[in-house]
């Protein structure tokens, strides 16, 4: 069995994920509560259903904001070797992706507004099969990783 990738994300990514989840949860809870409010006002649902919907929406939001980002951080590992990019992520379903450097087509860094506020960026590794992202790296580290993967990928293509 393959060893786990050794590198970890920056711990500040937990705050980025919490803020992102809070915004998503607010929107989702607002839509859900709005639908149930319309159904309650139209006498389709009783008061207990309306109150139950609010309780469920708040409980799901709390789990998404308070628990999921921390567990997601604990499960995220990555590593770049001379031959491959190795990614491990997932809370319930564990996804272990190994990308041979010879298959890498291009590498990008990206930074959303919340990550930018925390000084973090993501590295995206693109292959013919799709894109794979390493989120939550300090900007300098992300730039260095992007350049390293690009250089190693070019060398791997020359050797093959």
N, C-alpha and C. Protein backbone atom coordinates (compact mmCIF):
# COMPACT_ATOMS: atom_id res chain seq x y z
N UNK A 1 0.84 -1.19 0.00
CA UNK A 1 0.00 0.00 0.00
C UNK A 1 0.88 1.25 0.00
N UNK A 2 0.48 2.23 -0.71
CA UNK A 2 1.19 3.49 -0.88
C UNK A 2 1.14 4.31 0.41
N UNK A 3 2.24 4.98 0.75
CA UNK A 3 2.28 5.88 1.90
C UNK A 3 1.42 7.11 1.63
N UNK A 4 0.94 7.73 2.71
CA UNK A 4 0.18 8.96 2.57
C UNK A 4 1.09 10.09 2.10
N UNK A 5 0.57 11.00 1.29
CA UNK A 5 1.36 12.18 0.94
C UNK A 5 1.73 12.94 2.22
N UNK A 6 2.91 13.51 2.25
CA UNK A 6 3.46 14.07 3.49
C UNK A 6 3.06 15.52 3.77
N UNK A 7 2.77 16.32 2.76
CA UNK A 7 2.56 17.75 2.96
C UNK A 7 1.13 18.05 3.37
N UNK A 8 0.97 19.13 4.15
CA UNK A 8 -0.33 19.58 4.62
C UNK A 8 -0.65 20.96 4.06
N UNK A 9 -1.91 21.30 4.07
CA UNK A 9 -2.34 22.64 3.67
C UNK A 9 -2.05 23.62 4.81
N UNK A 10 -2.08 24.89 4.50
CA UNK A 10 -1.94 25.91 5.52
C UNK A 10 -3.19 25.90 6.41
N UNK A 11 -3.04 25.95 7.72
CA UNK A 11 -4.21 25.90 8.62
C UNK A 11 -5.21 27.05 8.41
N UNK A 12 -4.77 28.15 7.81
CA UNK A 12 -5.70 29.27 7.55
C UNK A 12 -6.80 28.89 6.57
N UNK A 13 -6.61 27.79 5.83
CA UNK A 13 -7.65 27.37 4.88
C UNK A 13 -8.94 26.99 5.61
N UNK A 14 -8.84 26.59 6.87
CA UNK A 14 -10.03 26.25 7.65
C UNK A 14 -10.93 27.49 7.77
N UNK A 15 -10.34 28.63 8.04
CA UNK A 15 -11.12 29.87 8.13
C UNK A 15 -11.73 30.26 6.78
N UNK A 16 -10.96 30.08 5.71
CA UNK A 16 -11.47 30.37 4.36
C UNK A 16 -12.68 29.49 4.07
N UNK A 17 -12.55 28.17 4.34
CA UNK A 17 -13.66 27.25 4.11
C UNK A 17 -14.85 27.59 5.00
N UNK A 18 -14.60 27.98 6.24
CA UNK A 18 -15.71 28.33 7.15
C UNK A 18 -16.49 29.54 6.63
N UNK A 19 -15.77 30.55 6.19
CA UNK A 19 -16.45 31.74 5.65
C UNK A 19 -17.23 31.38 4.39
N UNK A 20 -16.62 30.61 3.50
CA UNK A 20 -17.31 30.19 2.27
C UNK A 20 -18.56 29.37 2.59
N UNK A 21 -18.43 28.44 3.54
CA UNK A 21 -19.58 27.61 3.92
C UNK A 21 -20.66 28.45 4.60
N UNK A 22 -20.25 29.43 5.40
CA UNK A 22 -21.23 30.29 6.06
C UNK A 22 -22.05 31.06 5.02
N UNK A 23 -21.37 31.59 4.01
CA UNK A 23 -22.09 32.31 2.95
C UNK A 23 -23.03 31.38 2.19
N UNK A 24 -22.53 30.19 1.84
CA UNK A 24 -23.38 29.21 1.13
C UNK A 24 -24.55 28.77 2.00
N UNK A 25 -24.28 28.53 3.28
CA UNK A 25 -25.34 28.08 4.19
C UNK A 25 -26.40 29.16 4.38
N UNK A 26 -25.98 30.42 4.44
CA UNK A 26 -26.95 31.50 4.58
C UNK A 26 -27.88 31.54 3.38
N UNK A 27 -27.31 31.40 2.21
CA UNK A 27 -28.12 31.42 0.98
C UNK A 27 -29.05 30.20 0.95
N UNK A 28 -28.48 29.01 1.20
CA UNK A 28 -29.28 27.79 1.19
C UNK A 28 -30.37 27.79 2.25
N UNK A 29 -30.03 28.21 3.45
CA UNK A 29 -31.03 28.26 4.53
C UNK A 29 -32.10 29.29 4.21
N UNK A 30 -31.70 30.41 3.64
CA UNK A 30 -32.68 31.43 3.27
C UNK A 30 -33.67 30.94 2.25
N UNK A 31 -33.18 30.21 1.24
CA UNK A 31 -34.07 29.65 0.21
C UNK A 31 -35.00 28.62 0.82
N UNK A 32 -34.45 27.71 1.63
CA UNK A 32 -35.25 26.66 2.26
C UNK A 32 -36.32 27.26 3.17
N UNK A 33 -35.93 28.20 3.99
CA UNK A 33 -36.89 28.84 4.90
C UNK A 33 -37.93 29.62 4.10
N UNK A 34 -37.51 30.27 3.02
CA UNK A 34 -38.46 31.00 2.18
C UNK A 34 -39.52 30.09 1.58
N UNK A 35 -39.08 28.93 1.09
CA UNK A 35 -40.03 27.96 0.50
C UNK A 35 -41.01 27.48 1.56
N UNK A 36 -40.46 27.12 2.73
CA UNK A 36 -41.34 26.64 3.80
C UNK A 36 -42.26 27.75 4.30
N UNK A 37 -41.79 29.00 4.31
CA UNK A 37 -42.63 30.12 4.73
C UNK A 37 -43.80 30.31 3.76
N UNK A 38 -43.52 30.18 2.47
CA UNK A 38 -44.59 30.31 1.47
C UNK A 38 -45.61 29.19 1.65
N UNK A 39 -45.11 27.97 1.84
CA UNK A 39 -46.02 26.84 2.05
C UNK A 39 -46.79 26.98 3.36
N UNK A 40 -46.16 27.53 4.39
CA UNK A 40 -46.83 27.72 5.68
C UNK A 40 -47.91 28.79 5.56
N UNK A 41 -47.58 29.91 4.86
CA UNK A 41 -48.56 30.99 4.68
C UNK A 41 -49.74 30.55 3.81
N UNK A 42 -49.49 29.61 2.91
CA UNK A 42 -50.56 29.11 2.05
C UNK A 42 -51.34 27.99 2.73
N UNK A 43 -51.07 27.74 3.99
CA UNK A 43 -51.72 26.69 4.78
C UNK A 43 -51.51 25.30 4.21
N UNK A 44 -50.43 25.11 3.47
CA UNK A 44 -50.08 23.78 2.97
C UNK A 44 -49.36 23.00 4.08
N UNK A 45 -48.56 23.71 4.85
CA UNK A 45 -47.83 23.11 5.98
C UNK A 45 -48.25 23.77 7.28
N UNK A 46 -48.21 23.00 8.34
CA UNK A 46 -48.52 23.54 9.66
C UNK A 46 -47.30 24.23 10.26
N UNK A 47 -47.52 24.87 11.38
CA UNK A 47 -46.46 25.60 12.07
C UNK A 47 -45.31 24.69 12.47
N UNK A 48 -45.62 23.46 12.89
CA UNK A 48 -44.56 22.55 13.32
C UNK A 48 -43.61 22.21 12.17
N UNK A 49 -44.14 22.10 10.96
CA UNK A 49 -43.27 21.86 9.80
C UNK A 49 -42.37 23.06 9.54
N UNK A 50 -42.94 24.25 9.66
CA UNK A 50 -42.16 25.47 9.44
C UNK A 50 -41.04 25.60 10.46
N UNK A 51 -41.36 25.39 11.73
CA UNK A 51 -40.35 25.45 12.79
C UNK A 51 -39.32 24.34 12.59
N UNK A 52 -39.77 23.16 12.22
CA UNK A 52 -38.86 22.04 11.96
C UNK A 52 -37.89 22.35 10.83
N UNK A 53 -38.38 23.00 9.78
CA UNK A 53 -37.51 23.37 8.65
C UNK A 53 -36.44 24.36 9.10
N UNK A 54 -36.80 25.30 9.94
CA UNK A 54 -35.83 26.27 10.45
C UNK A 54 -34.78 25.57 11.30
N UNK A 55 -35.20 24.66 12.17
CA UNK A 55 -34.27 23.93 13.03
C UNK A 55 -33.31 23.09 12.19
N UNK A 56 -33.82 22.40 11.18
CA UNK A 56 -32.97 21.57 10.32
C UNK A 56 -31.99 22.44 9.54
N UNK A 57 -32.46 23.56 9.00
CA UNK A 57 -31.59 24.46 8.23
C UNK A 57 -30.47 25.01 9.11
N UNK A 58 -30.79 25.41 10.32
CA UNK A 58 -29.77 25.95 11.22
C UNK A 58 -28.79 24.85 11.64
N UNK A 59 -29.30 23.65 11.94
CA UNK A 59 -28.42 22.54 12.34
C UNK A 59 -27.45 22.17 11.22
N UNK A 60 -27.94 22.09 9.99
CA UNK A 60 -27.07 21.78 8.85
C UNK A 60 -26.02 22.87 8.65
N UNK A 61 -26.43 24.11 8.81
CA UNK A 61 -25.50 25.23 8.65
C UNK A 61 -24.40 25.17 9.72
N UNK A 62 -24.77 24.86 10.94
CA UNK A 62 -23.79 24.77 12.02
C UNK A 62 -22.78 23.66 11.74
N UNK A 63 -23.26 22.50 11.29
CA UNK A 63 -22.35 21.40 10.96
C UNK A 63 -21.43 21.80 9.81
N UNK A 64 -21.99 22.41 8.77
CA UNK A 64 -21.19 22.83 7.61
C UNK A 64 -20.13 23.87 7.96
N UNK A 65 -20.43 24.74 8.89
CA UNK A 65 -19.50 25.81 9.22
C UNK A 65 -18.54 25.42 10.35
N UNK A 66 -19.03 24.73 11.36
CA UNK A 66 -18.21 24.47 12.54
C UNK A 66 -17.38 23.19 12.44
N UNK A 67 -17.89 22.17 11.79
CA UNK A 67 -17.24 20.85 11.84
C UNK A 67 -16.57 20.47 10.53
N UNK A 68 -17.27 20.57 9.42
CA UNK A 68 -16.78 20.08 8.13
C UNK A 68 -15.44 20.68 7.71
N UNK A 69 -15.23 22.01 7.80
CA UNK A 69 -13.92 22.54 7.36
C UNK A 69 -12.73 21.98 8.14
N UNK A 70 -12.87 21.78 9.43
CA UNK A 70 -11.76 21.25 10.23
C UNK A 70 -11.45 19.80 9.85
N UNK A 71 -12.48 18.99 9.68
CA UNK A 71 -12.28 17.59 9.29
C UNK A 71 -11.70 17.53 7.88
N UNK A 72 -12.19 18.38 7.00
CA UNK A 72 -11.67 18.44 5.63
C UNK A 72 -10.18 18.77 5.63
N UNK A 73 -9.78 19.71 6.48
CA UNK A 73 -8.36 20.08 6.60
C UNK A 73 -7.52 18.90 7.08
N UNK A 74 -8.01 18.19 8.08
CA UNK A 74 -7.28 17.06 8.64
C UNK A 74 -7.06 15.98 7.58
N UNK A 75 -8.01 15.79 6.69
CA UNK A 75 -7.93 14.74 5.68
C UNK A 75 -7.12 15.12 4.44
N UNK A 76 -6.80 16.41 4.24
CA UNK A 76 -6.12 16.85 3.02
C UNK A 76 -4.61 16.69 3.14
N UNK A 77 -4.01 15.95 2.22
CA UNK A 77 -2.56 15.78 2.12
C UNK A 77 -2.17 15.87 0.65
N UNK A 78 -0.95 16.31 0.39
CA UNK A 78 -0.44 16.34 -0.98
C UNK A 78 1.07 16.19 -0.95
N UNK A 79 1.62 15.82 -2.10
CA UNK A 79 3.07 15.72 -2.23
C UNK A 79 3.42 15.74 -3.71
N UNK A 80 4.54 16.37 -4.03
CA UNK A 80 5.05 16.38 -5.39
C UNK A 80 6.42 15.72 -5.36
N UNK A 81 6.56 14.67 -6.16
CA UNK A 81 7.85 13.99 -6.28
C UNK A 81 8.39 14.23 -7.69
N UNK A 82 9.51 13.61 -8.00
CA UNK A 82 10.12 13.75 -9.33
C UNK A 82 9.25 13.13 -10.43
N UNK A 83 8.34 12.21 -10.04
CA UNK A 83 7.53 11.49 -11.04
C UNK A 83 6.05 11.83 -11.03
N UNK A 84 5.53 12.34 -9.89
CA UNK A 84 4.07 12.47 -9.78
C UNK A 84 3.62 13.52 -8.78
N UNK A 85 2.35 13.88 -8.90
CA UNK A 85 1.66 14.71 -7.92
C UNK A 85 0.68 13.77 -7.22
N UNK A 86 0.76 13.71 -5.91
CA UNK A 86 -0.02 12.77 -5.11
C UNK A 86 -0.98 13.57 -4.21
N UNK A 87 -2.29 13.37 -4.37
CA UNK A 87 -3.30 14.11 -3.62
C UNK A 87 -4.19 13.14 -2.84
N UNK A 88 -4.49 13.48 -1.59
CA UNK A 88 -5.41 12.69 -0.78
C UNK A 88 -6.37 13.65 -0.10
N UNK A 89 -7.66 13.42 -0.31
CA UNK A 89 -8.69 14.28 0.28
C UNK A 89 -9.95 13.48 0.52
N UNK A 90 -10.90 14.07 1.22
CA UNK A 90 -12.20 13.45 1.41
C UNK A 90 -12.51 13.16 2.86
N UNK A 91 -13.76 13.36 3.23
CA UNK A 91 -14.20 13.12 4.60
C UNK A 91 -14.83 11.75 4.70
N UNK A 92 -15.89 11.52 3.99
CA UNK A 92 -16.57 10.21 4.01
C UNK A 92 -15.98 9.33 2.93
N UNK A 93 -15.90 9.86 1.73
CA UNK A 93 -15.29 9.14 0.62
C UNK A 93 -13.87 9.68 0.47
N UNK A 94 -12.89 8.83 0.67
CA UNK A 94 -11.50 9.24 0.56
C UNK A 94 -11.08 9.11 -0.90
N UNK A 95 -10.53 10.18 -1.44
CA UNK A 95 -10.11 10.21 -2.85
C UNK A 95 -8.59 10.36 -2.88
N UNK A 96 -7.92 9.37 -3.43
CA UNK A 96 -6.46 9.40 -3.54
C UNK A 96 -6.13 9.46 -5.03
N UNK A 97 -5.59 10.59 -5.47
CA UNK A 97 -5.29 10.82 -6.87
C UNK A 97 -3.78 10.90 -7.06
N UNK A 98 -3.28 10.15 -8.02
CA UNK A 98 -1.87 10.20 -8.37
C UNK A 98 -1.78 10.64 -9.82
N UNK A 99 -1.11 11.76 -10.06
CA UNK A 99 -1.00 12.33 -11.41
C UNK A 99 0.44 12.19 -11.87
N UNK A 100 0.69 11.34 -12.85
CA UNK A 100 2.06 11.26 -13.40
C UNK A 100 2.42 12.61 -14.04
N UNK A 101 3.61 13.10 -13.76
CA UNK A 101 4.01 14.41 -14.28
C UNK A 101 4.05 14.44 -15.80
N UNK A 102 4.28 13.31 -16.42
CA UNK A 102 4.31 13.25 -17.88
C UNK A 102 2.93 13.58 -18.47
N UNK A 103 1.86 13.44 -17.67
CA UNK A 103 0.49 13.72 -18.12
C UNK A 103 0.05 15.17 -17.89
N UNK A 104 0.85 15.94 -17.18
CA UNK A 104 0.48 17.32 -16.86
C UNK A 104 0.56 18.18 -18.11
N UNK A 105 -0.55 18.89 -18.41
CA UNK A 105 -0.58 19.78 -19.57
C UNK A 105 -0.23 21.21 -19.20
N UNK A 106 -0.78 21.69 -18.10
CA UNK A 106 -0.41 23.01 -17.60
C UNK A 106 -0.75 23.12 -16.11
N UNK A 107 -0.15 24.12 -15.48
CA UNK A 107 -0.33 24.34 -14.04
C UNK A 107 -0.63 25.81 -13.82
N UNK A 108 -1.65 26.09 -12.99
CA UNK A 108 -2.06 27.47 -12.71
C UNK A 108 -2.11 27.70 -11.21
N UNK A 109 -2.06 28.97 -10.82
CA UNK A 109 -2.43 29.35 -9.46
C UNK A 109 -3.67 30.21 -9.57
N UNK A 110 -4.51 30.13 -8.54
CA UNK A 110 -5.69 30.99 -8.52
C UNK A 110 -5.97 31.40 -7.08
N UNK A 111 -6.71 32.51 -6.96
CA UNK A 111 -6.94 33.10 -5.65
C UNK A 111 -8.29 33.81 -5.67
N UNK A 112 -9.24 33.31 -4.89
CA UNK A 112 -10.52 33.98 -4.75
C UNK A 112 -10.40 35.10 -3.73
N UNK A 113 -11.45 35.90 -3.59
CA UNK A 113 -11.37 37.06 -2.68
C UNK A 113 -11.19 36.67 -1.21
N UNK A 114 -11.81 35.58 -0.77
CA UNK A 114 -11.68 35.18 0.63
C UNK A 114 -10.27 34.64 0.87
N UNK A 115 -9.78 33.78 -0.02
CA UNK A 115 -8.42 33.24 0.11
C UNK A 115 -7.40 34.38 0.05
N UNK A 116 -7.63 35.36 -0.82
CA UNK A 116 -6.71 36.49 -0.96
C UNK A 116 -6.61 37.25 0.37
N UNK A 117 -7.73 37.42 1.06
CA UNK A 117 -7.73 38.12 2.35
C UNK A 117 -6.88 37.39 3.39
N UNK A 118 -6.75 36.09 3.24
CA UNK A 118 -5.95 35.28 4.16
C UNK A 118 -4.54 35.00 3.63
N UNK A 119 -4.21 35.53 2.47
CA UNK A 119 -2.89 35.33 1.89
C UNK A 119 -2.67 33.93 1.35
N UNK A 120 -3.75 33.29 0.89
CA UNK A 120 -3.67 31.92 0.38
C UNK A 120 -4.01 31.86 -1.10
N UNK A 121 -3.55 30.80 -1.74
CA UNK A 121 -3.84 30.56 -3.16
C UNK A 121 -3.98 29.06 -3.37
N UNK A 122 -4.46 28.68 -4.54
CA UNK A 122 -4.59 27.28 -4.92
C UNK A 122 -3.76 27.02 -6.17
N UNK A 123 -3.25 25.81 -6.27
CA UNK A 123 -2.52 25.38 -7.46
C UNK A 123 -3.40 24.38 -8.19
N UNK A 124 -3.63 24.62 -9.48
CA UNK A 124 -4.44 23.72 -10.30
C UNK A 124 -3.54 23.02 -11.29
N UNK A 125 -3.60 21.68 -11.28
CA UNK A 125 -2.82 20.85 -12.19
C UNK A 125 -3.79 20.29 -13.22
N UNK A 126 -3.59 20.62 -14.49
CA UNK A 126 -4.50 20.17 -15.55
C UNK A 126 -3.87 19.04 -16.35
N UNK A 127 -4.70 18.02 -16.62
CA UNK A 127 -4.33 16.92 -17.50
C UNK A 127 -5.43 16.78 -18.53
N UNK A 128 -5.26 15.86 -19.44
CA UNK A 128 -6.32 15.61 -20.43
C UNK A 128 -7.59 15.11 -19.76
N UNK A 129 -7.45 14.48 -18.61
CA UNK A 129 -8.60 13.92 -17.89
C UNK A 129 -9.32 14.94 -17.02
N UNK A 130 -8.75 16.12 -16.83
CA UNK A 130 -9.40 17.13 -16.00
C UNK A 130 -8.41 17.91 -15.17
N UNK A 131 -8.96 18.66 -14.21
CA UNK A 131 -8.13 19.50 -13.35
C UNK A 131 -8.17 18.99 -11.92
N UNK A 132 -7.06 19.16 -11.23
CA UNK A 132 -6.93 18.75 -9.84
C UNK A 132 -6.34 19.94 -9.09
N UNK A 133 -6.90 20.23 -7.91
CA UNK A 133 -6.52 21.43 -7.20
C UNK A 133 -5.90 21.11 -5.83
N UNK A 134 -4.86 21.85 -5.50
CA UNK A 134 -4.29 21.85 -4.16
C UNK A 134 -4.63 23.22 -3.58
N UNK A 135 -5.63 23.30 -2.70
CA UNK A 135 -6.05 24.59 -2.16
C UNK A 135 -5.22 24.96 -0.93
N UNK A 136 -5.38 26.18 -0.47
CA UNK A 136 -4.88 26.57 0.84
C UNK A 136 -3.39 26.58 1.03
N UNK A 137 -2.67 27.15 0.08
CA UNK A 137 -1.22 27.29 0.23
C UNK A 137 -0.90 28.78 0.33
N UNK A 138 0.09 29.15 1.15
CA UNK A 138 0.53 30.55 1.12
C UNK A 138 0.92 30.93 -0.30
N UNK A 139 0.70 32.16 -0.67
CA UNK A 139 0.88 32.60 -2.06
C UNK A 139 2.28 32.26 -2.59
N UNK A 140 3.31 32.52 -1.79
CA UNK A 140 4.68 32.24 -2.24
C UNK A 140 4.88 30.74 -2.46
N UNK A 141 4.34 29.94 -1.55
CA UNK A 141 4.47 28.49 -1.68
C UNK A 141 3.70 27.98 -2.90
N UNK A 142 2.52 28.55 -3.15
CA UNK A 142 1.72 28.16 -4.32
C UNK A 142 2.47 28.49 -5.60
N UNK A 143 3.07 29.67 -5.65
CA UNK A 143 3.84 30.06 -6.85
C UNK A 143 5.03 29.12 -7.05
N UNK A 144 5.71 28.79 -5.96
CA UNK A 144 6.84 27.87 -6.04
C UNK A 144 6.43 26.47 -6.48
N UNK A 145 5.30 25.99 -5.93
CA UNK A 145 4.81 24.66 -6.30
C UNK A 145 4.40 24.63 -7.77
N UNK A 146 3.72 25.70 -8.22
CA UNK A 146 3.33 25.79 -9.63
C UNK A 146 4.55 25.71 -10.54
N UNK A 147 5.58 26.48 -10.22
CA UNK A 147 6.79 26.49 -11.03
C UNK A 147 7.51 25.14 -10.98
N UNK A 148 7.55 24.53 -9.80
CA UNK A 148 8.22 23.23 -9.65
C UNK A 148 7.51 22.15 -10.47
N UNK A 149 6.18 22.10 -10.37
CA UNK A 149 5.42 21.09 -11.13
C UNK A 149 5.60 21.33 -12.63
N UNK A 150 5.57 22.58 -13.06
CA UNK A 150 5.75 22.88 -14.49
C UNK A 150 7.13 22.43 -14.97
N UNK A 151 8.15 22.69 -14.18
CA UNK A 151 9.52 22.28 -14.55
C UNK A 151 9.65 20.77 -14.58
N UNK A 152 9.15 20.11 -13.54
CA UNK A 152 9.23 18.63 -13.48
C UNK A 152 8.42 17.99 -14.61
N UNK A 153 7.28 18.59 -14.96
CA UNK A 153 6.46 18.05 -16.05
C UNK A 153 7.19 18.18 -17.38
N UNK A 154 7.85 19.31 -17.59
CA UNK A 154 8.62 19.49 -18.84
C UNK A 154 9.76 18.47 -18.91
N UNK A 155 10.45 18.26 -17.80
CA UNK A 155 11.53 17.27 -17.76
C UNK A 155 11.00 15.85 -17.99
N UNK A 156 9.84 15.54 -17.42
CA UNK A 156 9.25 14.22 -17.59
C UNK A 156 8.87 13.98 -19.05
N UNK A 157 8.37 15.00 -19.72
CA UNK A 157 8.01 14.86 -21.14
C UNK A 157 9.26 14.68 -21.99
N UNK A 158 10.34 15.36 -21.64
CA UNK A 158 11.59 15.20 -22.39
C UNK A 158 12.16 13.78 -22.24
N UNK A 159 12.01 13.20 -21.05
CA UNK A 159 12.56 11.88 -20.76
C UNK A 159 11.74 10.76 -21.40
N UNK A 160 10.48 11.03 -21.72
CA UNK A 160 9.64 9.94 -22.25
C UNK A 160 9.70 9.84 -23.75
